[in-house]
Structure formats: structure tokens, C-alpha cells
Protein backbone atom coordinates (compact mmCIF):
# COMPACT_ATOMS: atom_id res chain seq x y z
CA MET A 1 -15.49 22.73 0.09
CA ASN A 2 -14.53 26.36 0.73
CA LYS A 3 -14.48 28.06 4.11
CA ASN A 4 -17.68 30.04 3.54
CA SER A 5 -19.60 26.89 2.62
CA MET A 6 -18.44 25.18 5.80
CA LEU A 7 -19.48 28.17 7.87
CA ARG A 8 -22.90 28.12 6.21
CA VAL A 9 -23.31 24.47 7.18
CA LEU A 10 -22.63 25.39 10.81
CA GLU A 11 -25.03 28.34 10.66
CA LYS A 12 -27.84 26.22 9.26
CA GLU A 13 -27.44 23.11 11.42
CA LEU A 14 -26.59 24.73 14.77
CA VAL A 15 -29.82 26.24 16.07
CA VAL A 16 -30.77 27.56 19.51
CA ALA A 17 -33.64 25.43 20.86
CA LEU A 18 -35.79 25.50 23.98
CA GLY A 19 -37.15 22.10 24.99
CA CYS A 20 -36.92 18.67 23.34
CA THR A 21 -37.34 19.22 19.60
CA GLU A 22 -40.19 16.74 18.98
CA PRO A 23 -42.74 18.22 21.43
CA VAL A 24 -41.51 21.70 20.51
CA SER A 25 -42.17 20.94 16.85
CA ILE A 26 -45.71 19.84 17.76
CA ALA A 27 -46.17 23.11 19.64
CA LEU A 28 -44.86 24.99 16.59
CA ALA A 29 -47.40 23.31 14.30
CA ALA A 30 -50.18 24.07 16.79
CA ALA A 31 -49.11 27.70 17.24
CA THR A 32 -48.95 28.14 13.47
CA ALA A 33 -52.47 26.73 13.11
CA ARG A 34 -53.68 29.22 15.69
CA ASP A 35 -52.13 32.03 13.63
CA TYR A 36 -54.49 31.12 10.80
CA MET A 37 -57.68 30.50 12.76
CA LYS A 38 -59.33 32.56 15.51
CA GLY A 39 -62.42 31.86 17.57
CA ASP A 40 -63.38 29.63 20.48
CA ILE A 41 -61.51 26.34 20.60
CA GLN A 42 -63.54 23.28 19.62
CA SER A 43 -60.84 20.67 19.11
CA ILE A 44 -57.13 20.07 18.47
CA GLU A 45 -56.27 16.92 16.52
CA VAL A 46 -52.67 15.69 16.30
CA LEU A 47 -51.37 13.08 13.87
CA ALA A 48 -47.71 12.14 14.24
CA SER A 49 -45.23 9.54 13.04
CA THR A 50 -43.93 6.75 15.26
CA ASN A 51 -40.60 8.43 15.97
CA VAL A 52 -42.23 11.73 16.92
CA ILE A 53 -44.72 10.08 19.26
CA LYS A 54 -41.89 8.08 20.84
CA ASN A 55 -39.86 11.20 21.57
CA ALA A 56 -42.73 13.45 22.63
CA MET A 57 -44.78 11.11 24.79
CA ALA A 58 -42.99 11.48 28.13
CA VAL A 59 -40.26 14.08 27.86
CA GLY A 60 -40.36 17.21 30.03
CA ILE A 61 -41.57 20.56 28.70
CA PRO A 62 -39.52 23.66 29.64
CA GLY A 63 -40.79 25.11 32.93
CA MET A 64 -43.83 22.82 33.02
CA LYS A 65 -44.87 20.01 35.35
CA ALA A 66 -47.27 18.41 32.87
CA THR A 67 -46.11 16.34 29.91
CA GLY A 68 -47.65 14.67 26.89
CA ILE A 69 -48.37 15.28 23.22
CA ASP A 70 -51.93 16.43 23.89
CA PHE A 71 -50.67 18.87 26.53
CA VAL A 72 -47.95 20.42 24.38
CA ALA A 73 -50.33 20.78 21.42
CA ALA A 74 -52.78 22.65 23.65
CA LEU A 75 -49.93 24.76 24.99
CA GLY A 76 -48.85 25.66 21.46
CA VAL A 77 -52.38 26.75 20.52
CA LEU A 78 -52.91 28.77 23.70
CA ALA A 79 -49.58 30.51 24.14
CA GLY A 80 -47.01 29.45 21.55
CA ASP A 81 -45.20 32.05 19.43
CA SER A 82 -44.69 30.56 15.96
CA LYS A 83 -42.26 33.33 15.01
CA LYS A 84 -39.72 31.92 17.47
CA ASP A 85 -39.40 28.53 15.72
CA LEU A 86 -37.74 26.11 18.18
CA GLU A 87 -38.14 28.64 20.98
CA VAL A 88 -41.91 28.66 20.40
CA LEU A 89 -42.57 27.91 24.09
CA ALA A 90 -40.36 30.64 25.52
CA GLY A 91 -42.15 32.71 28.15
CA ILE A 92 -44.94 30.21 28.88
CA SER A 93 -46.62 30.91 32.24
CA GLU A 94 -48.22 28.76 34.96
CA GLU A 95 -51.60 30.12 33.88
CA ASP A 96 -50.91 28.90 30.32
CA GLU A 97 -50.07 25.46 31.73
CA GLU A 98 -53.30 25.32 33.73
CA GLN A 99 -55.39 26.31 30.70
CA ALA A 100 -53.66 23.69 28.55
CA ILE A 101 -54.33 21.01 31.17
CA SER A 102 -57.98 22.08 31.29
CA LEU A 103 -58.28 21.70 27.51
CA VAL A 104 -56.83 18.19 27.70
CA GLU A 105 -59.08 17.21 30.61
CA ALA A 106 -62.10 18.53 28.70
CA GLY A 107 -61.34 15.99 25.96
CA LYS A 108 -60.68 18.64 23.31
CA VAL A 109 -57.26 17.28 22.26
CA SER A 110 -56.72 13.97 20.47
CA VAL A 111 -53.53 12.21 19.37
CA GLU A 112 -53.29 9.50 16.72
CA LEU A 113 -50.53 7.68 14.86
CA ALA A 114 -50.14 9.07 11.33
CA ASP A 115 -50.25 6.70 8.38
CA THR A 116 -46.92 7.74 6.91
CA SER A 117 -43.52 6.30 6.06
CA LYS A 118 -41.85 9.53 7.15
CA LYS A 119 -39.90 9.35 10.39
CA LEU A 120 -40.60 12.98 11.24
CA TYR A 121 -44.20 13.90 10.51
CA ILE A 122 -46.58 16.13 12.48
CA GLU A 123 -50.07 17.22 11.46
CA VAL A 124 -52.21 19.47 13.62
CA LYS A 125 -55.83 20.31 12.82
CA PHE A 126 -57.14 23.17 14.95
CA THR A 127 -60.92 23.69 14.90
CA THR A 128 -62.86 26.63 16.35
CA ASP A 129 -66.39 27.95 16.01
CA GLU A 130 -65.13 29.85 12.94
CA GLY A 131 -63.61 26.93 11.03
CA TYR A 132 -60.35 25.00 11.00
CA ALA A 133 -56.66 25.33 10.14
CA ARG A 134 -54.45 22.35 9.34
CA VAL A 135 -50.64 22.51 9.51
CA ILE A 136 -48.14 19.85 8.46
CA ILE A 137 -44.49 19.73 9.49
CA HIS A 138 -42.30 16.96 8.14
CA ASP A 139 -38.66 15.87 7.78
CA ASN A 140 -37.25 18.92 9.58
CA HIS A 141 -38.51 20.13 12.97
CA THR A 142 -39.22 23.63 11.65
CA PHE A 143 -40.18 22.79 8.06
CA ILE A 144 -43.81 23.85 7.65
CA ALA A 145 -44.80 22.00 4.50
CA LEU A 146 -48.47 22.94 4.27
CA VAL A 147 -51.16 25.17 5.74
CA GLU A 148 -54.80 24.59 4.90
CA VAL A 149 -57.65 26.82 6.08
CA ASN A 150 -61.27 25.67 5.74
CA GLY A 151 -60.37 23.38 2.84
CA GLU A 152 -58.32 26.01 1.01
CA LEU A 153 -54.56 25.55 0.56
CA VAL A 154 -53.05 28.86 1.71
CA TYR A 155 -49.40 27.84 1.96
CA LYS A 156 -47.26 25.05 0.53
CA ASN A 157 -43.51 24.87 0.81
CA GLY A 158 -42.17 23.52 -2.43
CA CYS A 159 -38.61 22.97 -1.29
CA GLY A 160 -37.39 19.70 -2.80
CA ASN A 161 -35.00 18.89 0.05
CA THR A 162 -36.69 19.11 3.42
CA HIS A 163 -34.71 16.73 5.58
CA PHE A 164 -32.03 19.21 6.57
CA ALA A 165 -31.54 22.95 6.78
CA THR A 166 -28.51 22.50 4.56
CA SER A 167 -28.87 21.54 0.91
CA GLU A 168 -28.03 18.09 -0.37
CA GLU A 169 -25.18 19.60 -2.36
CA GLU A 170 -23.70 21.21 0.76
CA ARG A 171 -23.89 17.95 2.68
CA ASP A 172 -22.46 15.91 -0.20
CA GLU A 173 -19.40 18.16 -0.18
CA LEU A 174 -18.66 17.36 3.45
CA THR A 175 -15.79 14.92 3.90
CA ILE A 176 -13.64 14.10 6.91
CA PRO A 177 -10.44 15.50 5.30
CA GLU A 178 -12.29 18.71 4.33
CA ILE A 179 -13.67 19.07 7.85
CA TYR A 180 -10.24 18.49 9.38
CA GLU A 181 -8.60 21.05 7.10
CA PHE A 182 -11.28 23.63 7.89
CA VAL A 183 -11.02 23.08 11.64
CA THR A 184 -7.24 23.40 11.68
CA THR A 185 -7.00 26.45 9.39
CA VAL A 186 -10.08 28.65 9.88
CA ASP A 187 -9.67 31.89 11.83
CA VAL A 188 -11.15 31.06 15.23
CA LYS A 189 -12.82 34.49 15.28
CA GLU A 190 -15.20 33.17 12.61
CA LEU A 191 -16.41 30.41 14.95
CA ALA A 192 -18.53 32.62 17.22
CA LEU A 193 -21.53 30.29 16.78
CA VAL A 194 -19.50 27.33 18.02
CA LYS A 195 -18.29 29.40 20.97
CA LYS A 196 -21.93 30.21 21.73
CA SER A 197 -22.79 26.48 21.62
CA ILE A 198 -20.12 25.85 24.27
CA GLU A 199 -21.48 28.62 26.48
CA LEU A 200 -25.17 27.70 26.17
CA ASN A 201 -24.72 23.96 26.57
CA ARG A 202 -22.23 24.31 29.43
CA ASN A 203 -24.71 26.55 31.28
CA VAL A 204 -27.40 23.88 30.93
CA ALA A 205 -24.96 21.22 32.12
CA LEU A 206 -24.02 23.28 35.19
CA ASP A 207 -27.72 23.80 35.86
CA GLY A 208 -28.15 20.03 35.76
CA LEU A 209 -25.29 19.56 38.22
CA SER A 210 -26.77 22.10 40.63
CA ASN A 211 -30.44 21.14 40.57
CA GLU A 212 -32.59 18.03 40.79
CA TYR A 213 -33.61 17.23 37.22
CA GLY A 214 -34.90 13.87 36.02
CA LEU A 215 -32.76 10.92 37.10
CA GLN A 216 -29.98 13.29 38.23
CA VAL A 217 -27.39 11.16 36.42
CA GLY A 218 -24.77 13.89 36.16
CA LYS A 219 -25.35 15.16 39.68
CA THR A 220 -25.13 11.62 41.09
CA LEU A 221 -21.83 10.98 39.32
CA LYS A 222 -20.38 14.19 40.75
CA ALA A 223 -21.70 13.39 44.23
CA ASN A 224 -19.93 10.04 44.13
CA VAL A 225 -16.70 11.75 43.12
CA LEU A 226 -16.96 13.86 46.28
CA LYS A 227 -17.57 10.69 48.31
CA GLY A 228 -14.42 9.13 46.89
CA ILE A 229 -16.35 6.29 45.24
CA LEU A 230 -15.54 7.56 41.74
CA SER A 231 -12.34 9.14 40.52
CA ASP A 232 -12.39 12.75 39.30
CA ASP A 233 -10.82 11.75 36.01
CA LEU A 234 -11.50 12.70 32.40
CA THR A 235 -14.03 9.92 31.82
CA THR A 236 -16.14 10.66 34.89
CA HIS A 237 -16.02 14.41 34.26
CA ALA A 238 -17.14 13.92 30.64
CA MET A 239 -19.96 11.60 31.69
CA ALA A 240 -21.15 13.90 34.48
CA LEU A 241 -21.07 17.14 32.52
CA ALA A 242 -22.79 15.71 29.43
CA ALA A 243 -25.36 13.71 31.42
CA ALA A 244 -26.20 16.72 33.59
CA GLY A 245 -27.01 18.72 30.47
CA SER A 246 -29.29 15.92 29.29
CA ASP A 247 -30.86 15.62 32.76
CA ALA A 248 -31.88 19.28 32.60
CA ARG A 249 -32.86 19.18 28.94
CA MET A 250 -35.07 16.10 29.25
CA ALA A 251 -36.75 17.23 32.48
CA GLY A 252 -37.99 20.60 31.27
CA SER A 253 -35.22 23.11 31.99
CA THR A 254 -36.14 26.58 30.74
CA MET A 255 -32.59 27.24 29.55
CA PRO A 256 -31.97 27.18 25.77
CA VAL A 257 -29.38 24.87 24.21
CA MET A 258 -27.59 24.80 20.90
CA ALA A 259 -29.07 21.93 18.90
CA ASN A 260 -27.09 20.01 16.29
CA SER A 261 -28.92 18.59 13.25
CA GLY A 262 -32.29 19.19 14.87
CA SER A 263 -31.49 17.60 18.24
CA GLY A 264 -30.83 19.50 21.45
CA ASN A 265 -29.71 16.36 23.24
CA GLN A 266 -27.25 15.68 20.43
CA GLY A 267 -26.04 19.26 20.67
CA ILE A 268 -25.24 18.67 24.35
CA ALA A 269 -23.65 15.27 23.72
CA VAL A 270 -21.51 16.66 20.89
CA THR A 271 -20.16 19.55 22.96
CA MET A 272 -19.99 18.62 26.64
CA PRO A 273 -17.63 15.60 26.58
CA VAL A 274 -15.25 17.73 24.53
CA VAL A 275 -15.57 20.66 26.95
CA ALA A 276 -14.90 18.28 29.84
CA ALA A 277 -11.81 16.94 28.10
CA GLY A 278 -10.62 20.48 27.40
CA GLU A 279 -10.95 21.33 31.09
CA LYS A 280 -9.03 18.25 32.19
CA LEU A 281 -6.33 18.71 29.55
CA ASN A 282 -5.99 22.46 30.19
CA ALA A 283 -6.73 23.23 26.55
CA SER A 284 -6.70 26.85 25.46
CA GLU A 285 -9.94 28.54 24.41
CA GLU A 286 -8.85 28.37 20.77
CA GLU A 287 -8.03 24.66 21.00
CA LEU A 288 -11.39 23.97 22.61
CA ILE A 289 -13.37 25.95 20.02
CA ARG A 290 -11.59 24.15 17.18
CA ALA A 291 -12.21 20.76 18.83
CA VAL A 292 -15.92 21.45 19.36
CA THR A 293 -16.17 22.68 15.76
CA LEU A 294 -14.73 19.33 14.66
CA SER A 295 -17.28 17.50 16.80
CA HIS A 296 -20.22 19.54 15.44
CA LEU A 297 -19.22 19.10 11.79
CA LEU A 298 -18.55 15.38 12.10
CA ALA A 299 -21.97 14.91 13.72
CA ILE A 300 -23.60 16.83 10.85
CA TYR A 301 -21.62 14.72 8.36
CA ILE A 302 -22.70 11.40 9.90
CA LYS A 303 -26.26 12.59 10.56
CA SER A 304 -26.65 13.59 6.91
CA GLN A 305 -26.51 9.86 6.13
CA PHE A 306 -28.09 8.57 9.34
CA GLY A 307 -31.16 10.83 9.18
CA ARG A 308 -32.89 13.13 11.68
CA LEU A 309 -34.64 10.26 13.49
CA SER A 310 -33.92 6.55 13.65
CA ALA A 311 -34.69 3.42 15.62
CA LEU A 312 -31.09 3.64 16.86
CA CYS A 313 -30.12 6.27 19.42
CA GLY A 314 -28.66 9.40 17.82
CA VAL A 315 -26.34 9.94 20.77
CA THR A 316 -24.13 7.22 19.28
CA VAL A 317 -23.38 9.70 16.48
CA ALA A 318 -22.55 12.35 19.06
CA GLY A 319 -20.28 9.92 20.89
CA ALA A 320 -18.27 9.16 17.76
CA SER A 321 -17.98 12.86 16.92
CA ALA A 322 -16.96 13.82 20.46
CA SER A 323 -14.40 11.02 20.53
CA ALA A 324 -12.77 12.39 17.39
CA ALA A 325 -12.65 15.86 18.96
CA ILE A 326 -11.15 14.52 22.21
CA THR A 327 -8.53 12.71 20.12
CA TYR A 328 -7.74 16.06 18.49
CA LEU A 329 -7.24 17.61 21.95
CA LEU A 330 -4.93 14.72 22.81
CA GLY A 331 -2.77 15.71 19.84
CA GLY A 332 -4.10 13.19 17.36
CA ASP A 333 -3.82 13.72 13.61
CA ILE A 334 -6.49 12.95 11.02
CA GLU A 335 -5.71 9.23 10.98
CA LYS A 336 -6.12 8.92 14.73
CA ILE A 337 -9.31 10.97 14.52
CA LYS A 338 -10.64 8.38 12.07
CA TYR A 339 -9.60 5.62 14.49
CA ALA A 340 -11.66 7.28 17.23
CA ILE A 341 -14.78 7.24 15.05
CA GLN A 342 -14.21 3.58 14.19
CA ASN A 343 -13.68 2.63 17.83
CA THR A 344 -16.78 4.42 19.07
CA LEU A 345 -19.11 3.10 16.39
CA GLY A 346 -17.73 -0.38 16.95
CA ASN A 347 -18.62 -0.01 20.62
CA VAL A 348 -22.02 1.67 20.99
CA THR A 349 -23.83 0.86 17.73
CA GLY A 350 -27.03 -1.01 18.54
CA MET A 351 -28.22 1.32 21.30
CA ILE A 352 -31.97 1.54 20.73
CA CYS A 353 -34.00 4.74 20.82
CA ASP A 354 -37.01 4.28 23.10
CA GLY A 355 -38.10 7.89 23.02
CA ALA A 356 -37.05 11.14 24.61
CA LYS A 357 -37.24 10.95 28.40
CA ALA A 358 -35.21 11.32 31.59
CA GLY A 359 -33.38 8.06 30.90
CA CYS A 360 -31.68 9.61 27.85
CA ALA A 361 -29.14 11.09 30.27
CA MET A 362 -27.89 7.58 31.03
CA LYS A 363 -27.33 6.94 27.33
CA VAL A 364 -25.50 10.25 27.04
CA ALA A 365 -23.27 9.19 29.96
CA THR A 366 -22.60 5.80 28.33
CA CYS A 367 -21.67 7.31 24.97
CA SER A 368 -19.51 9.96 26.66
CA SER A 369 -17.59 7.23 28.47
CA ALA A 370 -17.20 5.31 25.21
CA ALA A 371 -15.99 8.51 23.51
CA VAL A 372 -13.17 8.97 26.01
CA GLN A 373 -12.19 5.28 25.92
CA SER A 374 -12.16 5.28 22.12
CA ALA A 375 -10.11 8.48 22.00
CA LEU A 376 -7.50 7.12 24.41
CA LEU A 377 -7.10 4.00 22.27
CA ALA A 378 -7.01 6.02 19.05
CA SER A 379 -4.38 8.40 20.41
CA GLN A 380 -2.14 5.36 20.92
CA GLY A 381 -2.73 4.23 17.34
CA MET A 382 -5.21 1.50 18.31
CA CYS A 383 -8.22 0.88 16.06
CA ILE A 384 -10.80 -1.89 15.78
CA SER A 385 -9.75 -4.21 12.99
CA ALA A 386 -11.59 -4.29 9.68
CA THR A 387 -12.04 -8.04 10.24
CA ASP A 388 -14.42 -7.27 13.13
CA GLY A 389 -18.17 -7.02 12.64
CA PHE A 390 -19.40 -4.18 10.43
CA ILE A 391 -16.16 -2.18 10.79
CA GLU A 392 -14.37 -1.50 7.49
CA ALA A 393 -10.81 -0.37 6.83
CA ASP A 394 -12.24 2.84 5.36
CA VAL A 395 -13.99 4.92 8.04
CA ASP A 396 -16.50 6.25 5.50
CA LYS A 397 -17.58 2.71 4.68
CA THR A 398 -17.96 2.01 8.41
CA ILE A 399 -20.19 5.08 8.70
CA GLU A 400 -22.18 3.87 5.70
CA ASN A 401 -22.68 0.47 7.36
CA PHE A 402 -23.69 2.14 10.62
CA CYS A 403 -26.26 4.27 8.82
CA ARG A 404 -27.65 1.22 7.00
CA LEU A 405 -28.18 -0.46 10.36
CA GLY A 406 -29.99 2.65 11.61
CA ASN A 407 -32.23 2.90 8.57
CA GLU A 408 -32.65 -0.33 6.57
CA GLY A 409 -31.88 -2.73 9.40
CA SER A 410 -34.33 -1.37 11.93
CA SER A 411 -37.51 -0.85 9.94
CA ASN A 412 -39.67 -2.86 12.37
CA MET A 413 -37.96 -1.69 15.55
CA ASP A 414 -39.87 1.59 15.85
CA LYS A 415 -43.23 -0.14 15.44
CA ILE A 416 -42.41 -2.74 18.11
CA MET A 417 -41.04 -0.10 20.49
CA LEU A 418 -44.08 2.14 20.12
CA GLU A 419 -46.42 -0.79 20.77
CA MET A 420 -44.57 -1.53 23.99
CA MET A 421 -44.68 2.10 25.09
CA ILE A 422 -48.39 2.54 24.34
CA ASN A 423 -49.48 -0.82 25.75
CA LYS A 424 -47.91 -0.23 29.17
CA ARG A 425 -50.05 2.91 29.52
CA LYS A 426 -53.32 1.06 28.96
């Protein structure tokens, strides 16, 4: 895979996002529907897949106190800017929030589970006194597949591959050796997007350390370092910095982040443990940028098999990728980088996704800790044996097994989880 192809993969899969991507995608569908239909609002109907409902049900909305799928759909209709894609909710005001809440309280917004096998599916039907517009987004958070106005199909995206911004051919060309060669040879000046991901995600993490967001996982870890209860070591620093970013992200921070493979939380979890390690190891800016590039590309590589959404937590992918990058900062070669991936997947696989919410920061902290532990073992030449569990001697086969567990092995998990989440609200 040539250098330009690798850079294109980064450009397509690293996207600036404001707010958790599932509710933002709902807002995007709603805002798009509003673009096609004017008039006084009669109703907003939302149909969504299990995974989308799970991740959008309780997570914070940037700058807003209210949460919920019905609320964010109303917000998208009232004030969303569809031209901004994943930043569709940028610039939302308190007045917009109040109007959206009023729409919900008036019973004009409904949410139902879609009858679909797709893991990422959103359908919004917006009805006014002039007619209706129906918008469908599926497979990719910004992939508008269809727009229907008053029964007439006005737009249909015929792209055959909709799961990722990159093409299947581009993703098939990704290999760990190719990624490693690119990371170690590319002119760092060409990695401006990666540098931006470090800056954006670090700013969000620092915001999370300074303010009271969600469960305050990162801030609490740092506070206990100051008390002398925890050591100010690499592991704690990685956990605190990454978790703080997730605290802010999940609780509605208005600061944008650089998402990886459609997930802002994954973008944070891919970058921040590596940034923390770079700070503790006194890495140069160039070393850090190369390491974070490695983490981003490995996450894209694994995610291309794992899928955008799964019953297993996607932060496990970020943990494995970050561990490989930390191993690189510790001076590890490609073999030790592979060991780090094996060690991390052998540790955290099985972590269940129970939706996007404040508690995600705890999972980010857990996977960040596992990333450091796995990297330290890998840097000493230690790797989980191929005789153990689903781990194979070949790291690519281990990744394949991990992805099978996330897809084939957990087909009923999402249904059970959603039932639990919905039933407790009744």
C-alpha cells in the first residue's frame, strides 16, 4: 500500500465530531429531513437499530442539560445544520433546547425500534402541515442512503460500500507490516491531521480534568494522585487523561474531538493513552505523532473487521491499538508491537457495550490501564501463548477471532441488553 493510499485512509476515517456520534447522527437525519420539508411541525418519528438506541438513549448532548433520542431528533429539526455533518449541533442555543423539550413534552416526537438486521440504522420521518420528508442513514454515521418527500424518492445513494468512509479495497490493503513501514518512514510533516487529533483530543481531556463532567473518572484519579493515594506513574496518567476526555465527551462537552472510524470515544481512547505515555517518556513531538499515527491506523485496521458497532465495547480495539503505540514509544519493534496487540486482546475481550453514557469513561480507564500493562510486557518480549483461549500465534488470526466474537458470537447480546435498558425505565 503506497504512502498516498495510507494518507487517504487517515483523511477518510479521522473526522472532527461534536457530541457522541449516535445521537449526532440522529440529529443529522432530522436536520436533513427539515431541509426538504417546511411548514409547521406536526410530528417527528424516529426508527433506529438496537445499537443506535443503546448508544443514544442516555448520553449527553453538547452544551445541553436534556438527553434522549426524542430530544436530539427535535433539536436536529429545530436548529441542526446538516451541512456540518458530525458537527450538526454546533452553535445550539438554550432557546433551541427549550423549544426541543417543548416539542417532546407536547408528544410530537416518537421513537421506535427499527425492524432491521443493520447495526447502524436511523430513519427519521418529519411531518408538517405541508407534507413529510423521510431520511435514512445506515452503516456509516454520515451516510444518507435515502430521502423521500411526500412519497417521491428524491435522493438515493447508490454507493455499494457504505460501512466505512474508506473503500473495501483500501481497507483490504491495510496490514500491520504496511502500517508499521508507513509510520516509521513517512515524512512527519504529512501527518498534520494526526497532529490535529492530538491537539483536539488533549484539549477535551484537559477540559475533563478541570471541570465536573459525568462520573469525573479522570478528575478523581488525578485528585487521588495529589492526595498520595495513587502514584503519578505512566498507568495512572494514561487512565486519567483518557478517562477525562471520555468524561467530557459523554457528558455533553461542547468541544470537538477527532473521531476514529466513526467513534469520538474511540478517537480519544486511541490517542490519549499514547499522549500520556509520550509525556511520561519525554518523547519528542515527532515520536509522539508517529506513535499516534500507528494507534489510529491499527484501530482502523481492526475496526474494518470488527465493524462500526458491536455488542462488545469498541474501546477494547482502542486499547489494543494504543498498547501497540506505547510499545513503539518504549522502543519496541514490529514483533513486540504485535505482542502488545495480543496481550491487550487477551485481557479485555468480553467487555460488553451497554450504550454510550457517563460510565464509558470507566471502560476507557480500564482499557488504558490494560494498554500500558500489555505494552510493558510486550517490550520485555512477553506475549500470551497461542495455547491460551482464542489467542493464536499469528496476530491477524487473533484479531479475526476477536472480531468473530464481536459479531457472530454476540448476536443475541444486543437484544438482551436493550431489553434490560428499556425495562428499567418503565
